[in-house]
C-alpha cells in the first residue's frame, strides 16, 4: 500500500460531541447532517432526553475537526452554549450520516 494511503487511513478518527444549548426543534440535526456529508463523514446526530444533541462522526481527523469547529460556531441553528468532545479510534460499521 502506498505510504500516502496508509497515512490517510491512520488519520481516521471517531469524534463524539455532546452539544448543549437550545439545539432541539431548530433544525440543528439537519444542518449537522448536511455539514458532515459535505465533509465526507459518516455517523449520526441524535436528540437526547435531556435536550442535548449527541453527534458521532467518523472520518479523517481534519474533517472531524472542521465539523467540531462548525458545532462551536455562531453559524449553527439555535444556540450552542457548550460542546464537550471526545476522540477515539474509528469503530466502523457506520453508513452515511443519519438524524435520530
Protein backbone atom coordinates (compact mmCIF):
# COMPACT_ATOMS: atom_id res chain seq x y z
CA UNK A 1 0.00 0.00 0.00
CA UNK A 2 1.40 3.44 -0.88
CA UNK A 3 2.51 5.46 2.11
CA UNK A 4 0.01 8.29 1.46
CA UNK A 5 -2.91 5.88 1.52
CA UNK A 6 -1.67 4.28 4.74
CA UNK A 7 -1.28 7.72 6.29
CA UNK A 8 -4.81 8.69 5.21
CA UNK A 9 -6.22 5.53 6.78
CA UNK A 10 -4.28 6.04 10.01
CA UNK A 11 -5.63 9.61 10.21
CA UNK A 12 -9.23 8.40 10.64
CA UNK A 13 -10.89 9.09 14.00
CA UNK A 14 -14.20 8.95 15.80
CA UNK A 15 -15.50 12.23 17.21
CA UNK A 16 -18.20 12.14 19.87
CA UNK A 17 -19.61 15.57 20.70
CA UNK A 18 -22.30 16.45 23.24
CA UNK A 19 -23.88 19.74 22.19
CA UNK A 20 -25.58 21.76 24.95
CA UNK A 21 -27.91 24.72 24.46
CA UNK A 22 -31.10 25.34 22.52
CA UNK A 23 -30.37 22.74 19.87
CA UNK A 24 -33.59 20.74 19.58
CA UNK A 25 -36.52 21.79 17.42
CA UNK A 26 -34.41 24.32 15.46
CA UNK A 27 -33.04 22.23 12.56
CA UNK A 28 -29.74 21.58 14.31
CA UNK A 29 -29.54 17.87 13.45
CA UNK A 30 -30.45 18.52 9.79
CA UNK A 31 -27.74 21.17 9.42
CA UNK A 32 -25.21 18.96 11.24
CA UNK A 33 -26.01 16.11 8.85
CA UNK A 34 -25.64 18.39 5.82
CA UNK A 35 -22.28 19.74 7.05
CA UNK A 36 -20.99 16.24 7.91
CA UNK A 37 -21.92 14.93 4.46
CA UNK A 38 -20.16 17.90 2.82
CA UNK A 39 -17.06 16.91 4.80
CA UNK A 40 -17.33 13.23 3.80
CA UNK A 41 -18.06 11.99 7.32
CA UNK A 42 -20.30 9.14 8.45
CA UNK A 43 -22.23 8.97 11.73
CA UNK A 44 -25.30 10.44 13.37
CA UNK A 45 -26.87 13.37 15.17
CA UNK A 46 -29.27 12.29 17.90
CA UNK A 47 -31.62 14.23 20.19
CA UNK A 48 -31.26 13.12 23.81
CA UNK A 49 -33.97 13.27 26.51
CA UNK A 50 -32.03 15.98 28.40
CA UNK A 51 -32.31 18.36 25.36
CA UNK A 52 -28.73 17.90 24.15
CA UNK A 53 -27.71 16.62 20.73
CA UNK A 54 -25.19 13.78 20.53
CA UNK A 55 -23.05 13.93 17.40
CA UNK A 56 -20.95 10.92 16.42
CA UNK A 57 -18.77 11.29 13.33
CA UNK A 58 -16.06 9.16 11.79
CA UNK A 59 -13.62 10.08 9.07
CA UNK A 60 -10.39 11.98 8.53
CA UNK A 61 -9.29 13.91 11.62
CA UNK A 62 -9.15 17.21 9.72
CA UNK A 63 -12.77 16.82 8.58
CA UNK A 64 -13.91 15.92 12.11
CA UNK A 65 -12.10 18.99 13.43
CA UNK A 66 -13.89 21.14 10.85
CA UNK A 67 -17.23 19.70 11.96
CA UNK A 68 -16.34 20.40 15.60
CA UNK A 69 -15.39 23.99 14.73
CA UNK A 70 -18.75 24.39 12.99
CA UNK A 71 -20.61 22.95 16.00
CA UNK A 72 -18.97 25.65 18.14
CA UNK A 73 -19.53 28.48 15.66
CA UNK A 74 -22.24 31.13 15.51
CA UNK A 75 -23.37 29.57 12.20
CA UNK A 76 -25.39 26.77 13.79
CA UNK A 77 -29.18 26.88 14.13
CA UNK A 78 -30.42 27.54 17.64
CA UNK A 79 -27.96 28.44 20.36
CA UNK A 80 -24.94 26.38 21.33
CA UNK A 81 -23.76 27.02 24.90
CA UNK A 82 -21.17 24.25 25.20
CA UNK A 83 -19.70 21.40 23.17
CA UNK A 84 -17.92 18.60 25.02
CA UNK A 85 -15.97 16.30 22.72
CA UNK A 86 -14.02 13.08 22.95
CA UNK A 87 -11.75 11.47 20.39
CA UNK A 88 -11.38 7.73 19.82
CA UNK A 89 -10.12 5.35 17.14
CA UNK A 90 -12.80 4.71 14.49
CA UNK A 91 -15.07 1.74 15.17
CA UNK A 92 -16.56 1.44 11.69
CA UNK A 93 -19.99 0.00 10.98
CA UNK A 94 -21.44 3.42 10.08
CA UNK A 95 -23.10 4.11 6.76
CA UNK A 96 -23.99 7.64 5.72
CA UNK A 97 -24.93 10.28 8.25
CA UNK A 98 -28.35 9.98 9.90
CA UNK A 99 -30.60 12.07 12.12
CA UNK A 100 -32.14 10.26 15.07
